[in-house]
Amino acid sequence: MAHNHPSGTAEPSSSDCNLTTQIKDALGLIDVRVLDHIVVAGDRTTSFVERGLL
């Protein structure tokens, strides 16, 4: 998964973390794995996996 932050900060918000968990859990019900969630802000990115958030 990926989404952008037009604000310019690539830091995942608490809302991003909560929504990621909800989507991951829902997709797990149909055996779909979420491998990562990338937040894009301009030329910067943050990986949930690299941050230990997923």
PDB file of N, CA and C in Angstrom:
ATOM      1  N   MET A   1       0.847  -1.160   0.000  1.00  0.00           N
ATOM      2  CA  MET A   1       0.000   0.000   0.000  1.00  0.00           C
ATOM      3  C   MET A   1       0.894   1.225   0.000  1.00  0.00           C
ATOM      4  N   ALA A   2       0.347   2.320  -0.460  1.00  0.00           N
ATOM      5  CA  ALA A   2       1.066   3.594  -0.423  1.00  0.00           C
ATOM      6  C   ALA A   2       0.051   4.727  -0.432  1.00  0.00           C
ATOM      7  N   HIS A   3       0.449   5.824   0.167  1.00  0.00           N
ATOM      8  CA  HIS A   3      -0.358   7.042   0.068  1.00  0.00           C
ATOM      9  C   HIS A   3       0.557   8.235   0.256  1.00  0.00           C
ATOM     10  N   ASN A   4       0.047   9.405  -0.099  1.00  0.00           N
ATOM     11  CA  ASN A   4       0.886  10.603  -0.005  1.00  0.00           C
ATOM     12  C   ASN A   4       0.435  11.506   1.133  1.00  0.00           C
ATOM     13  N   HIS A   5       1.390  12.298   1.594  1.00  0.00           N
ATOM     14  CA  HIS A   5       1.132  13.353   2.570  1.00  0.00           C
ATOM     15  C   HIS A   5       1.468  14.677   1.905  1.00  0.00           C
ATOM     16  N   PRO A   6       0.488  15.397   1.408  1.00  0.00           N
ATOM     17  CA  PRO A   6       0.753  16.683   0.768  1.00  0.00           C
ATOM     18  C   PRO A   6       1.353  17.708   1.729  1.00  0.00           C
ATOM     19  N   SER A   7       1.248  17.437   3.033  1.00  0.00           N
ATOM     20  CA  SER A   7       1.791  18.360   4.033  1.00  0.00           C
ATOM     21  C   SER A   7       3.307  18.456   3.963  1.00  0.00           C
ATOM     22  N   GLY A   8       3.944  17.440   3.362  1.00  0.00           N
ATOM     23  CA  GLY A   8       5.396  17.466   3.224  1.00  0.00           C
ATOM     24  C   GLY A   8       6.140  16.603   4.219  1.00  0.00           C
ATOM     25  N   THR A   9       5.455  16.065   5.227  1.00  0.00           N
ATOM     26  CA  THR A   9       6.118  15.176   6.178  1.00  0.00           C
ATOM     27  C   THR A   9       5.789  13.727   5.848  1.00  0.00           C
ATOM     28  N   ALA A  10       6.823  12.908   5.794  1.00  0.00           N
ATOM     29  CA  ALA A  10       6.634  11.501   5.447  1.00  0.00           C
ATOM     30  C   ALA A  10       6.422  10.624   6.674  1.00  0.00           C
ATOM     31  N   GLU A  11       6.315  11.248   7.843  1.00  0.00           N
ATOM     32  CA  GLU A  11       6.094  10.484   9.075  1.00  0.00           C
ATOM     33  C   GLU A  11       4.666   9.949   9.120  1.00  0.00           C
ATOM     34  N   PRO A  12       4.496   8.652   9.389  1.00  0.00           N
ATOM     35  CA  PRO A  12       3.151   8.107   9.522  1.00  0.00           C
ATOM     36  C   PRO A  12       2.448   8.703  10.742  1.00  0.00           C
ATOM     37  N   SER A  13       1.212   9.080  10.570  1.00  0.00           N
ATOM     38  CA  SER A  13       0.419   9.607  11.685  1.00  0.00           C
ATOM     39  C   SER A  13      -0.219   8.439  12.437  1.00  0.00           C
ATOM     40  N   SER A  14      -0.785   8.722  13.587  1.00  0.00           N
ATOM     41  CA  SER A  14      -1.487   7.669  14.329  1.00  0.00           C
ATOM     42  C   SER A  14      -2.687   7.175  13.524  1.00  0.00           C
ATOM     43  N   SER A  15      -3.319   8.066  12.775  1.00  0.00           N
ATOM     44  CA  SER A  15      -4.430   7.654  11.900  1.00  0.00           C
ATOM     45  C   SER A  15      -3.940   6.708  10.811  1.00  0.00           C
ATOM     46  N   ASP A  16      -2.763   6.993  10.251  1.00  0.00           N
ATOM     47  CA  ASP A  16      -2.178   6.101   9.239  1.00  0.00           C
ATOM     48  C   ASP A  16      -1.953   4.714   9.829  1.00  0.00           C
ATOM     49  N   CYS A  17      -1.420   4.666  11.040  1.00  0.00           N
ATOM     50  CA  CYS A  17      -1.139   3.385  11.696  1.00  0.00           C
ATOM     51  C   CYS A  17      -2.427   2.619  11.971  1.00  0.00           C
ATOM     52  N   ASN A  18      -3.433   3.321  12.481  1.00  0.00           N
ATOM     53  CA  ASN A  18      -4.718   2.672  12.773  1.00  0.00           C
ATOM     54  C   ASN A  18      -5.378   2.137  11.511  1.00  0.00           C
ATOM     55  N   LEU A  19      -5.393   2.941  10.456  1.00  0.00           N
ATOM     56  CA  LEU A  19      -6.014   2.507   9.207  1.00  0.00           C
ATOM     57  C   LEU A  19      -5.253   1.335   8.593  1.00  0.00           C
ATOM     58  N   THR A  20      -3.939   1.366   8.666  1.00  0.00           N
ATOM     59  CA  THR A  20      -3.126   0.268   8.140  1.00  0.00           C
ATOM     60  C   THR A  20      -3.474  -1.034   8.848  1.00  0.00           C
ATOM     61  N   THR A  21      -3.613  -0.980  10.158  1.00  0.00           N
ATOM     62  CA  THR A  21      -3.979  -2.176  10.927  1.00  0.00           C
ATOM     63  C   THR A  21      -5.353  -2.680  10.517  1.00  0.00           C
ATOM     64  N   GLN A  22      -6.311  -1.777  10.353  1.00  0.00           N
ATOM     65  CA  GLN A  22      -7.663  -2.178   9.953  1.00  0.00           C
ATOM     66  C   GLN A  22      -7.664  -2.819   8.572  1.00  0.00           C
ATOM     67  N   ILE A  23      -6.939  -2.217   7.629  1.00  0.00           N
ATOM     68  CA  ILE A  23      -6.885  -2.767   6.270  1.00  0.00           C
ATOM     69  C   ILE A  23      -6.174  -4.111   6.272  1.00  0.00           C
ATOM     70  N   LYS A  24      -5.053  -4.198   6.997  1.00  0.00           N
ATOM     71  CA  LYS A  24      -4.301  -5.456   7.083  1.00  0.00           C
ATOM     72  C   LYS A  24      -5.186  -6.561   7.648  1.00  0.00           C
ATOM     73  N   ASP A  25      -5.920  -6.272   8.719  1.00  0.00           N
ATOM     74  CA  ASP A  25      -6.807  -7.267   9.323  1.00  0.00           C
ATOM     75  C   ASP A  25      -7.924  -7.681   8.367  1.00  0.00           C
ATOM     76  N   ALA A  26      -8.523  -6.715   7.678  1.00  0.00           N
ATOM     77  CA  ALA A  26      -9.607  -7.021   6.737  1.00  0.00           C
ATOM     78  C   ALA A  26      -9.101  -7.872   5.578  1.00  0.00           C
ATOM     79  N   LEU A  27      -7.950  -7.512   5.029  1.00  0.00           N
ATOM     80  CA  LEU A  27      -7.404  -8.284   3.912  1.00  0.00           C
ATOM     81  C   LEU A  27      -6.967  -9.676   4.347  1.00  0.00           C
ATOM     82  N   GLY A  28      -6.554  -9.802   5.605  1.00  0.00           N
ATOM     83  CA  GLY A  28      -6.178 -11.111   6.128  1.00  0.00           C
ATOM     84  C   GLY A  28      -7.335 -12.098   6.106  1.00  0.00           C
ATOM     85  N   LEU A  29      -8.553 -11.594   6.200  1.00  0.00           N
ATOM     86  CA  LEU A  29      -9.735 -12.459   6.160  1.00  0.00           C
ATOM     87  C   LEU A  29      -9.884 -13.169   4.823  1.00  0.00           C
ATOM     88  N   ILE A  30      -9.319 -12.585   3.774  1.00  0.00           N
ATOM     89  CA  ILE A  30      -9.381 -13.215   2.447  1.00  0.00           C
ATOM     90  C   ILE A  30      -7.985 -13.641   1.985  1.00  0.00           C
ATOM     91  N   ASP A  31      -7.097 -13.872   2.965  1.00  0.00           N
ATOM     92  CA  ASP A  31      -5.743 -14.381   2.725  1.00  0.00           C
ATOM     93  C   ASP A  31      -4.891 -13.489   1.833  1.00  0.00           C
ATOM     94  N   VAL A  32      -5.059 -12.186   1.960  1.00  0.00           N
ATOM     95  CA  VAL A  32      -4.210 -11.224   1.249  1.00  0.00           C
ATOM     96  C   VAL A  32      -3.289 -10.589   2.279  1.00  0.00           C
ATOM     97  N   ARG A  33      -1.989 -10.675   2.030  1.00  0.00           N
ATOM     98  CA  ARG A  33      -1.004 -10.104   2.948  1.00  0.00           C
ATOM     99  C   ARG A  33      -0.619  -8.696   2.518  1.00  0.00           C
ATOM    100  N   VAL A  34      -0.509  -7.807   3.472  1.00  0.00           N
ATOM    101  CA  VAL A  34       0.022  -6.468   3.225  1.00  0.00           C
ATOM    102  C   VAL A  34       1.517  -6.557   3.495  1.00  0.00           C
ATOM    103  N   LEU A  35       2.328  -6.336   2.468  1.00  0.00           N
ATOM    104  CA  LEU A  35       3.775  -6.477   2.604  1.00  0.00           C
ATOM    105  C   LEU A  35       4.433  -5.220   3.145  1.00  0.00           C
ATOM    106  N   ASP A  36       3.870  -4.061   2.859  1.00  0.00           N
ATOM    107  CA  ASP A  36       4.417  -2.801   3.346  1.00  0.00           C
ATOM    108  C   ASP A  36       3.388  -1.704   3.108  1.00  0.00           C
ATOM    109  N   HIS A  37       3.621  -0.588   3.728  1.00  0.00           N
ATOM    110  CA  HIS A  37       2.818   0.613   3.509  1.00  0.00           C
ATOM    111  C   HIS A  37       3.821   1.754   3.440  1.00  0.00           C
ATOM    112  N   ILE A  38       3.834   2.445   2.332  1.00  0.00           N
ATOM    113  CA  ILE A  38       4.788   3.522   2.092  1.00  0.00           C
ATOM    114  C   ILE A  38       4.057   4.859   2.156  1.00  0.00           C
ATOM    115  N   VAL A  39       4.613   5.781   2.931  1.00  0.00           N
ATOM    116  CA  VAL A  39       4.105   7.151   2.973  1.00  0.00           C
ATOM    117  C   VAL A  39       5.043   7.998   2.122  1.00  0.00           C
ATOM    118  N   VAL A  40       4.482   8.718   1.164  1.00  0.00           N
ATOM    119  CA  VAL A  40       5.258   9.549   0.243  1.00  0.00           C
ATOM    120  C   VAL A  40       4.966  11.013   0.539  1.00  0.00           C
ATOM    121  N   ALA A  41       6.033  11.792   0.653  1.00  0.00           N
ATOM    122  CA  ALA A  41       5.895  13.240   0.858  1.00  0.00           C
ATOM    123  C   ALA A  41       6.972  13.915   0.028  1.00  0.00           C
ATOM    124  N   GLY A  42       6.575  14.438  -1.116  1.00  0.00           N
ATOM    125  CA  GLY A  42       7.561  15.039  -2.021  1.00  0.00           C
ATOM    126  C   GLY A  42       8.546  13.981  -2.483  1.00  0.00           C
ATOM    127  N   ASP A  43       9.834  14.202  -2.215  1.00  0.00           N
ATOM    128  CA  ASP A  43      10.850  13.228  -2.627  1.00  0.00           C
ATOM    129  C   ASP A  43      11.257  12.305  -1.475  1.00  0.00           C
ATOM    130  N   ARG A  44      10.522  12.349  -0.371  1.00  0.00           N
ATOM    131  CA  ARG A  44      10.827  11.497   0.784  1.00  0.00           C
ATOM    132  C   ARG A  44       9.777  10.405   0.934  1.00  0.00           C
ATOM    133  N   THR A  45      10.226   9.266   1.446  1.00  0.00           N
ATOM    134  CA  THR A  45       9.321   8.149   1.709  1.00  0.00           C
ATOM    135  C   THR A  45       9.630   7.548   3.079  1.00  0.00           C
ATOM    136  N   THR A  46       8.620   6.935   3.656  1.00  0.00           N
ATOM    137  CA  THR A  46       8.788   6.188   4.897  1.00  0.00           C
ATOM    138  C   THR A  46       8.094   4.844   4.734  1.00  0.00           C
ATOM    139  N   SER A  47       8.818   3.783   5.060  1.00  0.00           N
ATOM    140  CA  SER A  47       8.301   2.421   4.991  1.00  0.00           C
ATOM    141  C   SER A  47       7.847   1.974   6.377  1.00  0.00           C
ATOM    142  N   PHE A  48       6.623   1.482   6.470  1.00  0.00           N
ATOM    143  CA  PHE A  48       6.140   0.942   7.736  1.00  0.00           C
ATOM    144  C   PHE A  48       6.990  -0.246   8.168  1.00  0.00           C
ATOM    145  N   VAL A  49       7.402  -1.088   7.223  1.00  0.00           N
ATOM    146  CA  VAL A  49       8.219  -2.254   7.558  1.00  0.00           C
ATOM    147  C   VAL A  49       9.565  -1.810   8.124  1.00  0.00           C
ATOM    148  N   GLU A  50      10.211  -0.866   7.470  1.00  0.00           N
ATOM    149  CA  GLU A  50      11.517  -0.402   7.942  1.00  0.00           C
ATOM    150  C   GLU A  50      11.428   0.244   9.318  1.00  0.00           C
ATOM    151  N   ARG A  51      10.298   0.849   9.645  1.00  0.00           N
ATOM    152  CA  ARG A  51      10.107   1.495  10.954  1.00  0.00           C
ATOM    153  C   ARG A  51       9.586   0.518  12.004  1.00  0.00           C
ATOM    154  N   GLY A  52       9.329  -0.730  11.614  1.00  0.00           N
ATOM    155  CA  GLY A  52       8.801  -1.713  12.559  1.00  0.00           C
ATOM    156  C   GLY A  52       7.337  -1.512  12.896  1.00  0.00           C
ATOM    157  N   LEU A  53       6.617  -0.836  12.011  1.00  0.00           N
ATOM    158  CA  LEU A  53       5.202  -0.545  12.245  1.00  0.00           C
ATOM    159  C   LEU A  53       4.268  -1.562  11.605  1.00  0.00           C
ATOM    160  N   LEU A  54       4.830  -2.485  10.842  1.00  0.00           N
ATOM    161  CA  LEU A  54       3.996  -3.481  10.162  1.00  0.00           C
ATOM    162  C   LEU A  54       4.643  -4.840  10.283  1.00  0.00           C
TER     163      LEU A  54
END
